[in-house]
Amino acid sequence: MQPLRIGIDPDVDKSGLAIVDKTTKDIELHNFNCGELVEYLQEKKEQIEYVVIEASWLLGKASFRIHPKDSKEVASLKGLHVGRNQGIGMALVQALKSLNLIVIERKPLKKIWGKSGKEKISHTELRNLCAKMKYNYNYKRTNQEQRDALLLIIL
């Protein structure tokens, strides 16, 4: 039996990793660089049911916002950063498929949280959602990459 479901929010520096054990409803959250992430999942390979990875390249358009006040240099740097993150995500997909893992590429989730309903999920909102869904969420602090990774596998 393969009880682990994995969510990954890829990032150049540290990707968010969420693990949910479907039998115990336990949650693990981590941040790893690309190499550490592949190595970690290779060790758990036999226990993994599937991996969901945020795939902003599936949007078919720029996945960042250019503000009217941004200079050309700022807009260029934003595009470079997004492209590098997408490159890490695509490389992770290839690496995990080479481990014979089932990899699901999923478009980024819509920002439906916060008071405005247009924000990313906060730690408190995620803790409340997990409690409602009966997940064992025992974290006092999380970062956005970890929260996004977890949402990929519980929503």
C-alpha atoms as a PDB file:
ATOM      1  CA  MET A   1       0.000   0.000   0.000  1.00  0.00           C
ATOM      2  CA  GLN A   2       1.244   3.462  -0.899  1.00  0.00           C
ATOM      3  CA  PRO A   3      -0.205   5.869   1.665  1.00  0.00           C
ATOM      4  CA  LEU A   4       1.740   9.051   0.857  1.00  0.00           C
ATOM      5  CA  ARG A   5       0.443  11.868  -1.317  1.00  0.00           C
ATOM      6  CA  ILE A   6       3.002  14.515  -2.176  1.00  0.00           C
ATOM      7  CA  GLY A   7       2.536  18.184  -3.134  1.00  0.00           C
ATOM      8  CA  ILE A   8       5.352  20.364  -4.461  1.00  0.00           C
ATOM      9  CA  ASP A   9       5.474  24.117  -5.014  1.00  0.00           C
ATOM     10  CA  PRO A  10       8.709  24.506  -7.032  1.00  0.00           C
ATOM     11  CA  ASP A  11      11.056  27.396  -6.373  1.00  0.00           C
ATOM     12  CA  VAL A  12      14.645  28.175  -7.363  1.00  0.00           C
ATOM     13  CA  ASP A  13      15.955  28.426  -3.811  1.00  0.00           C
ATOM     14  CA  LYS A  14      13.726  26.150  -1.726  1.00  0.00           C
ATOM     15  CA  SER A  15      10.674  24.300  -3.007  1.00  0.00           C
ATOM     16  CA  GLY A  16       7.755  23.690  -0.680  1.00  0.00           C
ATOM     17  CA  LEU A  17       7.024  20.016  -0.020  1.00  0.00           C
ATOM     18  CA  ALA A  18       3.872  18.682   1.631  1.00  0.00           C
ATOM     19  CA  ILE A  19       3.272  15.053   2.494  1.00  0.00           C
ATOM     20  CA  VAL A  20      -0.095  13.674   3.540  1.00  0.00           C
ATOM     21  CA  ASP A  21      -0.446  10.130   4.820  1.00  0.00           C
ATOM     22  CA  LYS A  22      -3.916   9.141   3.622  1.00  0.00           C
ATOM     23  CA  THR A  23      -4.300   6.451   6.293  1.00  0.00           C
ATOM     24  CA  THR A  24      -3.345   8.513   9.361  1.00  0.00           C
ATOM     25  CA  LYS A  25      -4.119  12.010   7.937  1.00  0.00           C
ATOM     26  CA  ASP A  26      -0.736  13.146   9.253  1.00  0.00           C
ATOM     27  CA  ILE A  27       0.893  16.090   7.484  1.00  0.00           C
ATOM     28  CA  GLU A  28       4.602  16.799   6.989  1.00  0.00           C
ATOM     29  CA  LEU A  29       5.873  20.105   5.586  1.00  0.00           C
ATOM     30  CA  HIS A  30       9.393  20.829   4.367  1.00  0.00           C
ATOM     31  CA  ASN A  31      11.472  23.144   2.209  1.00  0.00           C
ATOM     32  CA  PHE A  32      14.207  21.599   0.056  1.00  0.00           C
ATOM     33  CA  ASN A  33      16.389  22.660  -2.820  1.00  0.00           C
ATOM     34  CA  CYS A  34      15.934  20.674  -6.028  1.00  0.00           C
ATOM     35  CA  GLY A  35      18.620  18.063  -5.312  1.00  0.00           C
ATOM     36  CA  GLU A  36      17.563  17.521  -1.703  1.00  0.00           C
ATOM     37  CA  LEU A  37      13.939  17.152  -2.780  1.00  0.00           C
ATOM     38  CA  VAL A  38      14.657  14.451  -5.360  1.00  0.00           C
ATOM     39  CA  GLU A  39      16.904  12.594  -2.906  1.00  0.00           C
ATOM     40  CA  TYR A  40      14.269  12.762  -0.147  1.00  0.00           C
ATOM     41  CA  LEU A  41      11.503  11.465  -2.427  1.00  0.00           C
ATOM     42  CA  GLN A  42      13.747   8.724  -3.793  1.00  0.00           C
ATOM     43  CA  GLU A  43      14.116   7.413  -0.221  1.00  0.00           C
ATOM     44  CA  LYS A  44      10.306   7.392   0.222  1.00  0.00           C
ATOM     45  CA  LYS A  45       9.580   6.173  -3.320  1.00  0.00           C
ATOM     46  CA  GLU A  46       7.951   2.867  -2.336  1.00  0.00           C
ATOM     47  CA  GLN A  47       5.462   4.635  -0.056  1.00  0.00           C
ATOM     48  CA  ILE A  48       4.346   7.322  -2.545  1.00  0.00           C
ATOM     49  CA  GLU A  49       0.960   7.012  -4.239  1.00  0.00           C
ATOM     50  CA  TYR A  50       1.424  10.120  -6.413  1.00  0.00           C
ATOM     51  CA  VAL A  51       3.044  13.551  -6.621  1.00  0.00           C
ATOM     52  CA  VAL A  52       1.208  16.775  -7.543  1.00  0.00           C
ATOM     53  CA  ILE A  53       3.421  19.607  -8.688  1.00  0.00           C
ATOM     54  CA  GLU A  54       2.363  23.192  -9.305  1.00  0.00           C
ATOM     55  CA  ALA A  55       2.887  23.735 -13.035  1.00  0.00           C
ATOM     56  CA  SER A  56       2.573  27.422 -13.873  1.00  0.00           C
ATOM     57  CA  TRP A  57       3.874  26.666 -17.376  1.00  0.00           C
ATOM     58  CA  LEU A  58       0.455  25.158 -18.131  1.00  0.00           C
ATOM     59  CA  LEU A  59      -1.147  28.607 -17.941  1.00  0.00           C
ATOM     60  CA  GLY A  60       0.010  29.444 -21.454  1.00  0.00           C
ATOM     61  CA  LYS A  61       0.657  33.059 -20.505  1.00  0.00           C
ATOM     62  CA  ALA A  62       2.853  35.036 -18.190  1.00  0.00           C
ATOM     63  CA  SER A  63       2.165  33.997 -14.620  1.00  0.00           C
ATOM     64  CA  PHE A  64       3.296  37.245 -13.042  1.00  0.00           C
ATOM     65  CA  ARG A  65       1.901  40.748 -12.878  1.00  0.00           C
ATOM     66  CA  ILE A  66       3.580  43.781 -14.354  1.00  0.00           C
ATOM     67  CA  HIS A  67       2.627  46.934 -12.515  1.00  0.00           C
ATOM     68  CA  PRO A  68       2.403  50.204 -14.448  1.00  0.00           C
ATOM     69  CA  LYS A  69       5.130  51.682 -12.230  1.00  0.00           C
ATOM     70  CA  ASP A  70       7.580  48.829 -12.979  1.00  0.00           C
ATOM     71  CA  SER A  71      10.617  49.794 -15.008  1.00  0.00           C
ATOM     72  CA  LYS A  72      11.699  47.581 -17.909  1.00  0.00           C
ATOM     73  CA  GLU A  73      14.474  46.244 -15.695  1.00  0.00           C
ATOM     74  CA  VAL A  74      12.047  45.277 -12.908  1.00  0.00           C
ATOM     75  CA  ALA A  75       9.660  43.632 -15.395  1.00  0.00           C
ATOM     76  CA  SER A  76      12.571  41.734 -16.925  1.00  0.00           C
ATOM     77  CA  LEU A  77      13.755  40.500 -13.525  1.00  0.00           C
ATOM     78  CA  LYS A  78      10.230  39.333 -12.652  1.00  0.00           C
ATOM     79  CA  GLY A  79      10.067  37.380 -15.907  1.00  0.00           C
ATOM     80  CA  LEU A  80      13.491  35.871 -15.277  1.00  0.00           C
ATOM     81  CA  HIS A  81      12.462  34.757 -11.776  1.00  0.00           C
ATOM     82  CA  VAL A  82       9.227  33.162 -13.019  1.00  0.00           C
ATOM     83  CA  GLY A  83      11.092  31.395 -15.829  1.00  0.00           C
ATOM     84  CA  ARG A  84      13.697  30.014 -13.436  1.00  0.00           C
ATOM     85  CA  ASN A  85      10.968  28.694 -11.109  1.00  0.00           C
ATOM     86  CA  GLN A  86       9.222  27.058 -14.058  1.00  0.00           C
ATOM     87  CA  GLY A  87      12.521  25.491 -15.133  1.00  0.00           C
ATOM     88  CA  ILE A  88      12.982  23.973 -11.671  1.00  0.00           C
ATOM     89  CA  GLY A  89       9.416  22.644 -11.797  1.00  0.00           C
ATOM     90  CA  MET A  90       9.918  21.063 -15.226  1.00  0.00           C
ATOM     91  CA  ALA A  91      13.211  19.503 -14.122  1.00  0.00           C
ATOM     92  CA  LEU A  92      11.517  18.086 -11.003  1.00  0.00           C
ATOM     93  CA  VAL A  93       8.775  16.546 -13.156  1.00  0.00           C
ATOM     94  CA  GLN A  94      11.389  14.797 -15.310  1.00  0.00           C
ATOM     95  CA  ALA A  95      13.427  13.643 -12.313  1.00  0.00           C
ATOM     96  CA  LEU A  96      10.401  12.249 -10.476  1.00  0.00           C
ATOM     97  CA  LYS A  97       9.080  10.502 -13.575  1.00  0.00           C
ATOM     98  CA  SER A  98      12.516   8.899 -13.993  1.00  0.00           C
ATOM     99  CA  LEU A  99      11.961   7.434 -10.510  1.00  0.00           C
ATOM    100  CA  ASN A 100       8.747   5.882 -11.909  1.00  0.00           C
ATOM    101  CA  LEU A 101       6.556   8.028  -9.687  1.00  0.00           C
ATOM    102  CA  ILE A 102       3.104   9.122 -10.829  1.00  0.00           C
ATOM    103  CA  VAL A 103       3.435  12.878 -11.359  1.00  0.00           C
ATOM    104  CA  ILE A 104       0.411  15.127 -11.838  1.00  0.00           C
ATOM    105  CA  GLU A 105       1.101  18.608 -13.202  1.00  0.00           C
ATOM    106  CA  ARG A 106      -1.508  21.050 -11.872  1.00  0.00           C
ATOM    107  CA  LYS A 107      -2.117  24.687 -12.726  1.00  0.00           C
ATOM    108  CA  PRO A 108      -1.581  27.096  -9.822  1.00  0.00           C
ATOM    109  CA  LEU A 109      -4.598  27.440  -7.558  1.00  0.00           C
ATOM    110  CA  LYS A 110      -6.627  30.632  -7.660  1.00  0.00           C
ATOM    111  CA  LYS A 111      -6.147  33.152  -4.894  1.00  0.00           C
ATOM    112  CA  ILE A 112      -9.461  32.898  -3.040  1.00  0.00           C
ATOM    113  CA  TRP A 113      -8.369  33.559   0.533  1.00  0.00           C
ATOM    114  CA  GLY A 114      -8.138  36.478   2.924  1.00  0.00           C
ATOM    115  CA  LYS A 115     -10.661  39.223   3.540  1.00  0.00           C
ATOM    116  CA  SER A 116     -10.642  40.290  -0.103  1.00  0.00           C
ATOM    117  CA  GLY A 117     -10.999  36.748  -1.444  1.00  0.00           C
ATOM    118  CA  LYS A 118      -8.043  37.470  -3.748  1.00  0.00           C
ATOM    119  CA  GLU A 119      -5.097  36.522  -1.574  1.00  0.00           C
ATOM    120  CA  LYS A 120      -2.965  33.451  -0.946  1.00  0.00           C
ATOM    121  CA  ILE A 121      -3.942  31.315   2.021  1.00  0.00           C
ATOM    122  CA  SER A 122      -2.638  32.330   5.432  1.00  0.00           C
ATOM    123  CA  HIS A 123      -1.294  29.973   8.084  1.00  0.00           C
ATOM    124  CA  THR A 124      -4.451  30.446  10.183  1.00  0.00           C
ATOM    125  CA  GLU A 125      -6.786  29.790   7.249  1.00  0.00           C
ATOM    126  CA  LEU A 126      -4.897  26.602   6.355  1.00  0.00           C
ATOM    127  CA  ARG A 127      -4.901  25.394   9.973  1.00  0.00           C
ATOM    128  CA  ASN A 128      -8.687  25.906  10.120  1.00  0.00           C
ATOM    129  CA  LEU A 129      -9.223  24.168   6.765  1.00  0.00           C
ATOM    130  CA  CYS A 130      -7.156  21.176   7.900  1.00  0.00           C
ATOM    131  CA  ALA A 131      -9.094  20.955  11.167  1.00  0.00           C
ATOM    132  CA  LYS A 132     -12.363  20.982   9.249  1.00  0.00           C
ATOM    133  CA  MET A 133     -11.053  18.198   6.984  1.00  0.00           C
ATOM    134  CA  LYS A 134      -9.730  16.218  10.006  1.00  0.00           C
ATOM    135  CA  TYR A 135      -6.046  16.434   9.017  1.00  0.00           C
ATOM    136  CA  ASN A 136      -3.364  16.344  11.725  1.00  0.00           C
ATOM    137  CA  TYR A 137      -1.871  19.796  11.216  1.00  0.00           C
ATOM    138  CA  ASN A 138       0.537  20.546  14.072  1.00  0.00           C
ATOM    139  CA  TYR A 139       2.555  23.504  12.828  1.00  0.00           C
ATOM    140  CA  LYS A 140       2.957  26.817  14.610  1.00  0.00           C
ATOM    141  CA  ARG A 141       4.485  28.471  11.544  1.00  0.00           C
ATOM    142  CA  THR A 142       4.564  27.731   7.827  1.00  0.00           C
ATOM    143  CA  ASN A 143       5.745  29.558   4.746  1.00  0.00           C
ATOM    144  CA  GLN A 144       3.821  30.208   1.537  1.00  0.00           C
ATOM    145  CA  GLU A 145       5.590  27.459  -0.431  1.00  0.00           C
ATOM    146  CA  GLN A 146       4.628  24.847   2.175  1.00  0.00           C
ATOM    147  CA  ARG A 147       1.018  26.063   2.288  1.00  0.00           C
ATOM    148  CA  ASP A 148       0.700  26.059  -1.510  1.00  0.00           C
ATOM    149  CA  ALA A 149       2.201  22.548  -1.688  1.00  0.00           C
ATOM    150  CA  LEU A 150      -0.305  21.264   0.870  1.00  0.00           C
ATOM    151  CA  LEU A 151      -3.273  22.838  -0.892  1.00  0.00           C
ATOM    152  CA  LEU A 152      -2.308  20.992  -4.085  1.00  0.00           C
ATOM    153  CA  ILE A 153      -3.055  17.662  -2.413  1.00  0.00           C
ATOM    154  CA  ILE A 154      -5.964  18.441  -0.093  1.00  0.00           C
ATOM    155  CA  LEU A 155      -8.182  20.480  -2.426  1.00  0.00           C
END
